[in-house]
C-alpha atoms as a PDB file:
ATOM      1  CA  UNK A   1     -35.755   6.933  17.218  1.00  0.00           C
ATOM      2  CA  UNK A   2     -34.836  10.101  15.399  1.00  0.00           C
ATOM      3  CA  UNK A   3     -34.658  11.391  11.838  1.00  0.00           C
ATOM      4  CA  UNK A   4     -31.485  11.977   9.825  1.00  0.00           C
ATOM      5  CA  UNK A   5     -31.819  13.487   6.340  1.00  0.00           C
ATOM      6  CA  UNK A   6     -35.485  12.442   6.236  1.00  0.00           C
ATOM      7  CA  UNK A   7     -34.731   8.816   7.149  1.00  0.00           C
ATOM      8  CA  UNK A   8     -35.788   7.291  10.459  1.00  0.00           C
ATOM      9  CA  UNK A   9     -32.929   5.987  12.608  1.00  0.00           C
ATOM     10  CA  UNK A  10     -32.965   3.887  15.793  1.00  0.00           C
ATOM     11  CA  UNK A  11     -31.468   6.938  17.611  1.00  0.00           C
ATOM     12  CA  UNK A  12     -28.988   4.940  19.653  1.00  0.00           C
ATOM     13  CA  UNK A  13     -25.613   5.705  18.036  1.00  0.00           C
ATOM     14  CA  UNK A  14     -23.170   8.561  18.585  1.00  0.00           C
ATOM     15  CA  UNK A  15     -23.627   9.609  14.940  1.00  0.00           C
ATOM     16  CA  UNK A  16     -27.452   9.622  15.138  1.00  0.00           C
ATOM     17  CA  UNK A  17     -28.752  10.032  18.689  1.00  0.00           C
ATOM     18  CA  UNK A  18     -32.295  10.997  19.627  1.00  0.00           C
ATOM     19  CA  UNK A  19     -35.909   9.989  20.179  1.00  0.00           C
ATOM     20  CA  UNK A  20     -39.501  11.019  19.478  1.00  0.00           C
ATOM     21  CA  UNK A  21     -38.854  11.394  15.717  1.00  0.00           C
ATOM     22  CA  UNK A  22     -36.944  14.659  16.180  1.00  0.00           C
ATOM     23  CA  UNK A  23     -33.806  15.545  14.193  1.00  0.00           C
ATOM     24  CA  UNK A  24     -30.941  13.236  15.233  1.00  0.00           C
ATOM     25  CA  UNK A  25     -28.009  14.721  17.099  1.00  0.00           C
ATOM     26  CA  UNK A  26     -24.383  13.868  16.498  1.00  0.00           C
ATOM     27  CA  UNK A  27     -22.632  13.406  19.835  1.00  0.00           C
ATOM     28  CA  UNK A  28     -19.464  15.372  20.585  1.00  0.00           C
ATOM     29  CA  UNK A  29     -16.044  13.734  20.814  1.00  0.00           C
ATOM     30  CA  UNK A  30     -15.858  11.616  23.950  1.00  0.00           C
ATOM     31  CA  UNK A  31     -19.638  11.319  24.242  1.00  0.00           C
ATOM     32  CA  UNK A  32     -21.901   8.351  23.584  1.00  0.00           C
ATOM     33  CA  UNK A  33     -25.597   8.005  22.869  1.00  0.00           C
ATOM     34  CA  UNK A  34     -26.811   6.929  26.295  1.00  0.00           C
ATOM     35  CA  UNK A  35     -29.688   4.561  27.071  1.00  0.00           C
ATOM     36  CA  UNK A  36     -32.014   7.595  27.385  1.00  0.00           C
ATOM     37  CA  UNK A  37     -31.103   8.412  23.746  1.00  0.00           C
ATOM     38  CA  UNK A  38     -29.327  11.643  24.670  1.00  0.00           C
ATOM     39  CA  UNK A  39     -25.679  12.425  24.050  1.00  0.00           C
ATOM     40  CA  UNK A  40     -23.496  12.405  27.130  1.00  0.00           C
ATOM     41  CA  UNK A  41     -20.430  11.033  28.809  1.00  0.00           C
ATOM     42  CA  UNK A  42     -20.307   7.240  28.961  1.00  0.00           C
ATOM     43  CA  UNK A  43     -21.119   6.590  32.636  1.00  0.00           C
ATOM     44  CA  UNK A  44     -18.843   3.528  32.671  1.00  0.00           C
ATOM     45  CA  UNK A  45     -15.858   5.376  31.154  1.00  0.00           C
ATOM     46  CA  UNK A  46     -12.819   5.960  33.360  1.00  0.00           C
ATOM     47  CA  UNK A  47     -11.380   9.458  33.856  1.00  0.00           C
ATOM     48  CA  UNK A  48      -8.206  10.862  35.409  1.00  0.00           C
ATOM     49  CA  UNK A  49      -8.652  13.970  37.567  1.00  0.00           C
ATOM     50  CA  UNK A  50      -5.450  16.048  37.672  1.00  0.00           C
ATOM     51  CA  UNK A  51      -5.125  19.390  39.489  1.00  0.00           C
ATOM     52  CA  UNK A  52      -3.194  21.667  37.121  1.00  0.00           C
ATOM     53  CA  UNK A  53      -3.218  25.202  38.553  1.00  0.00           C
ATOM     54  CA  UNK A  54      -4.546  27.456  41.264  1.00  0.00           C
ATOM     55  CA  UNK A  55      -4.711  30.996  42.560  1.00  0.00           C
ATOM     56  CA  UNK A  56      -4.092  31.582  46.272  1.00  0.00           C
ATOM     57  CA  UNK A  57      -4.785  34.710  48.343  1.00  0.00           C
ATOM     58  CA  UNK A  58      -1.747  36.858  49.147  1.00  0.00           C
ATOM     59  CA  UNK A  59      -2.216  36.391  52.900  1.00  0.00           C
ATOM     60  CA  UNK A  60      -3.359  33.761  55.376  1.00  0.00           C
ATOM     61  CA  UNK A  61      -6.166  35.678  57.112  1.00  0.00           C
ATOM     62  CA  UNK A  62      -3.990  38.802  57.219  1.00  0.00           C
ATOM     63  CA  UNK A  63      -0.748  36.993  58.122  1.00  0.00           C
ATOM     64  CA  UNK A  64       2.128  35.778  55.965  1.00  0.00           C
ATOM     65  CA  UNK A  65       1.842  32.201  54.758  1.00  0.00           C
ATOM     66  CA  UNK A  66       5.387  31.409  55.861  1.00  0.00           C
ATOM     67  CA  UNK A  67       7.696  32.912  58.499  1.00  0.00           C
ATOM     68  CA  UNK A  68      10.114  34.166  55.844  1.00  0.00           C
ATOM     69  CA  UNK A  69       7.268  35.969  53.982  1.00  0.00           C
ATOM     70  CA  UNK A  70       7.611  33.572  51.034  1.00  0.00           C
ATOM     71  CA  UNK A  71       4.560  32.359  49.091  1.00  0.00           C
ATOM     72  CA  UNK A  72       2.703  29.296  50.369  1.00  0.00           C
ATOM     73  CA  UNK A  73       4.003  25.817  49.518  1.00  0.00           C
ATOM     74  CA  UNK A  74       0.694  24.622  48.076  1.00  0.00           C
ATOM     75  CA  UNK A  75      -0.284  20.968  47.911  1.00  0.00           C
ATOM     76  CA  UNK A  76      -3.567  19.451  46.765  1.00  0.00           C
ATOM     77  CA  UNK A  77      -4.796  16.369  48.597  1.00  0.00           C
ATOM     78  CA  UNK A  78      -7.557  14.611  46.682  1.00  0.00           C
ATOM     79  CA  UNK A  79      -9.600  11.445  46.518  1.00  0.00           C
ATOM     80  CA  UNK A  80     -11.686   9.947  43.729  1.00  0.00           C
ATOM     81  CA  UNK A  81     -14.785   7.826  44.309  1.00  0.00           C
ATOM     82  CA  UNK A  82     -15.679   5.213  45.301  1.00  0.00           C
ATOM     83  CA  UNK A  83     -14.460   6.310  48.700  1.00  0.00           C
ATOM     84  CA  UNK A  84     -13.450   2.873  50.019  1.00  0.00           C
ATOM     85  CA  UNK A  85     -10.187   4.190  51.419  1.00  0.00           C
ATOM     86  CA  UNK A  86      -9.277   7.293  53.378  1.00  0.00           C
ATOM     87  CA  UNK A  87      -5.963   7.695  51.568  1.00  0.00           C
ATOM     88  CA  UNK A  88      -5.612  10.980  49.699  1.00  0.00           C
ATOM     89  CA  UNK A  89      -3.389  11.412  46.646  1.00  0.00           C
ATOM     90  CA  UNK A  90      -1.096  14.411  47.178  1.00  0.00           C
ATOM     91  CA  UNK A  91       0.496  16.689  44.578  1.00  0.00           C
ATOM     92  CA  UNK A  92       4.093  17.882  44.969  1.00  0.00           C
ATOM     93  CA  UNK A  93       4.551  21.251  46.711  1.00  0.00           C
ATOM     94  CA  UNK A  94       4.370  24.322  44.517  1.00  0.00           C
ATOM     95  CA  UNK A  95       5.719  27.459  46.241  1.00  0.00           C
ATOM     96  CA  UNK A  96       3.618  30.128  44.586  1.00  0.00           C
ATOM     97  CA  UNK A  97       0.478  32.257  44.778  1.00  0.00           C
ATOM     98  CA  UNK A  98      -0.286  30.730  41.349  1.00  0.00           C
ATOM     99  CA  UNK A  99       0.789  27.109  41.888  1.00  0.00           C
ATOM    100  CA  UNK A 100       0.801  24.467  39.166  1.00  0.00           C
ATOM    101  CA  UNK A 101       1.047  20.678  39.238  1.00  0.00           C
ATOM    102  CA  UNK A 102       1.553  17.873  36.726  1.00  0.00           C
ATOM    103  CA  UNK A 103       1.249  14.870  39.053  1.00  0.00           C
ATOM    104  CA  UNK A 104      -0.934  13.822  41.947  1.00  0.00           C
ATOM    105  CA  UNK A 105      -4.008  12.591  40.087  1.00  0.00           C
ATOM    106  CA  UNK A 106      -6.691  10.019  40.832  1.00  0.00           C
ATOM    107  CA  UNK A 107      -8.931   7.935  38.567  1.00  0.00           C
ATOM    108  CA  UNK A 108     -12.672   7.212  38.705  1.00  0.00           C
ATOM    109  CA  UNK A 109     -15.682   6.238  36.603  1.00  0.00           C
ATOM    110  CA  UNK A 110     -17.671   9.096  35.115  1.00  0.00           C
ATOM    111  CA  UNK A 111     -20.827   7.933  36.909  1.00  0.00           C
ATOM    112  CA  UNK A 112     -19.046   8.232  40.269  1.00  0.00           C
ATOM    113  CA  UNK A 113     -17.600  11.676  39.492  1.00  0.00           C
ATOM    114  CA  UNK A 114     -21.075  12.864  38.433  1.00  0.00           C
ATOM    115  CA  UNK A 115     -22.862  11.486  41.509  1.00  0.00           C
ATOM    116  CA  UNK A 116     -20.342  11.286  44.393  1.00  0.00           C
ATOM    117  CA  UNK A 117     -17.829  13.906  43.257  1.00  0.00           C
ATOM    118  CA  UNK A 118     -14.116  14.520  43.675  1.00  0.00           C
ATOM    119  CA  UNK A 119     -12.971  15.287  47.241  1.00  0.00           C
ATOM    120  CA  UNK A 120     -10.058  17.666  47.742  1.00  0.00           C
ATOM    121  CA  UNK A 121      -8.427  20.308  49.883  1.00  0.00           C
ATOM    122  CA  UNK A 122      -5.478  22.677  49.447  1.00  0.00           C
ATOM    123  CA  UNK A 123      -2.856  23.235  52.150  1.00  0.00           C
ATOM    124  CA  UNK A 124       0.271  25.281  52.697  1.00  0.00           C
ATOM    125  CA  UNK A 125       2.890  22.655  53.526  1.00  0.00           C
ATOM    126  CA  UNK A 126       4.834  23.697  56.633  1.00  0.00           C
ATOM    127  CA  UNK A 127       7.436  21.984  58.841  1.00  0.00           C
ATOM    128  CA  UNK A 128       5.227  21.493  61.907  1.00  0.00           C
ATOM    129  CA  UNK A 129       1.548  21.953  60.910  1.00  0.00           C
ATOM    130  CA  UNK A 130       0.107  22.588  57.456  1.00  0.00           C
ATOM    131  CA  UNK A 131      -2.097  25.674  57.053  1.00  0.00           C
ATOM    132  CA  UNK A 132      -5.498  25.100  55.457  1.00  0.00           C
ATOM    133  CA  UNK A 133      -5.967  27.003  52.224  1.00  0.00           C
ATOM    134  CA  UNK A 134      -9.380  25.810  51.040  1.00  0.00           C
ATOM    135  CA  UNK A 135     -11.004  23.630  53.666  1.00  0.00           C
ATOM    136  CA  UNK A 136     -12.511  20.261  52.668  1.00  0.00           C
ATOM    137  CA  UNK A 137     -14.412  20.445  49.380  1.00  0.00           C
ATOM    138  CA  UNK A 138     -16.360  18.141  47.052  1.00  0.00           C
ATOM    139  CA  UNK A 139     -16.966  18.861  43.377  1.00  0.00           C
ATOM    140  CA  UNK A 140     -19.622  17.045  41.338  1.00  0.00           C
ATOM    141  CA  UNK A 141     -18.494  17.111  37.714  1.00  0.00           C
ATOM    142  CA  UNK A 142     -20.913  18.123  34.970  1.00  0.00           C
ATOM    143  CA  UNK A 143     -21.353  16.812  31.443  1.00  0.00           C
ATOM    144  CA  UNK A 144     -19.995  20.149  30.163  1.00  0.00           C
ATOM    145  CA  UNK A 145     -16.792  19.772  32.198  1.00  0.00           C
ATOM    146  CA  UNK A 146     -16.150  16.317  30.725  1.00  0.00           C
ATOM    147  CA  UNK A 147     -16.625  17.765  27.219  1.00  0.00           C
ATOM    148  CA  UNK A 148     -14.364  20.768  28.006  1.00  0.00           C
ATOM    149  CA  UNK A 149     -11.822  18.444  29.708  1.00  0.00           C
ATOM    150  CA  UNK A 150     -11.332  21.022  32.489  1.00  0.00           C
ATOM    151  CA  UNK A 151     -13.124  22.514  35.449  1.00  0.00           C
ATOM    152  CA  UNK A 152     -12.256  25.716  37.294  1.00  0.00           C
ATOM    153  CA  UNK A 153     -13.555  25.790  40.849  1.00  0.00           C
ATOM    154  CA  UNK A 154     -13.648  28.290  43.675  1.00  0.00           C
ATOM    155  CA  UNK A 155     -13.358  30.471  45.532  1.00  0.00           C
ATOM    156  CA  UNK A 156     -13.207  28.785  48.932  1.00  0.00           C
ATOM    157  CA  UNK A 157     -11.450  30.435  51.875  1.00  0.00           C
ATOM    158  CA  UNK A 158      -7.933  31.478  50.691  1.00  0.00           C
ATOM    159  CA  UNK A 159      -8.226  29.418  47.476  1.00  0.00           C
ATOM    160  CA  UNK A 160      -9.361  31.894  44.862  1.00  0.00           C
ATOM    161  CA  UNK A 161      -9.548  29.131  42.236  1.00  0.00           C
ATOM    162  CA  UNK A 162      -8.262  25.727  41.205  1.00  0.00           C
ATOM    163  CA  UNK A 163      -8.328  24.262  37.709  1.00  0.00           C
ATOM    164  CA  UNK A 164      -8.400  20.514  37.159  1.00  0.00           C
ATOM    165  CA  UNK A 165      -8.042  18.544  33.946  1.00  0.00           C
ATOM    166  CA  UNK A 166     -10.255  15.507  33.331  1.00  0.00           C
ATOM    167  CA  UNK A 167      -8.879  13.046  30.800  1.00  0.00           C
ATOM    168  CA  UNK A 168     -10.599   9.918  29.542  1.00  0.00           C
ATOM    169  CA  UNK A 169      -8.433   6.874  30.165  1.00  0.00           C
END
């Protein structure tokens, strides 16, 4: 266990977490005292992963994104683990070099997001063939990103960055 105000504790609660008779830690909001007696995200908790914003390069390898010289119509296609299906969730188009989205999320257990990751790619939606913006990517979430409730990733190809929100369900 651990010690709290000079009193030994079992060290297995969010209010008093620790081992080896060290000072107990109080876990942050959304964390639990795990089996290893360290604060962290509950591996069995369920989280929604929602792309919220991005920054896209001004050109597509030196060319305009669209024939009319307008910004790209950016969509995010993503998949949460376990990867038992090949169906991607797709955000609505956002015609911008700084696109934003409020729908197009997926849901997974924290343990899966930490070990298998979130799969995604950004595209410029076009009439005939979509242009790749980012290529296929996988992001393994960290404990810090669960605590912060966001992760900013990139760059990758023409995707300078993407920010996703992770919300406990």
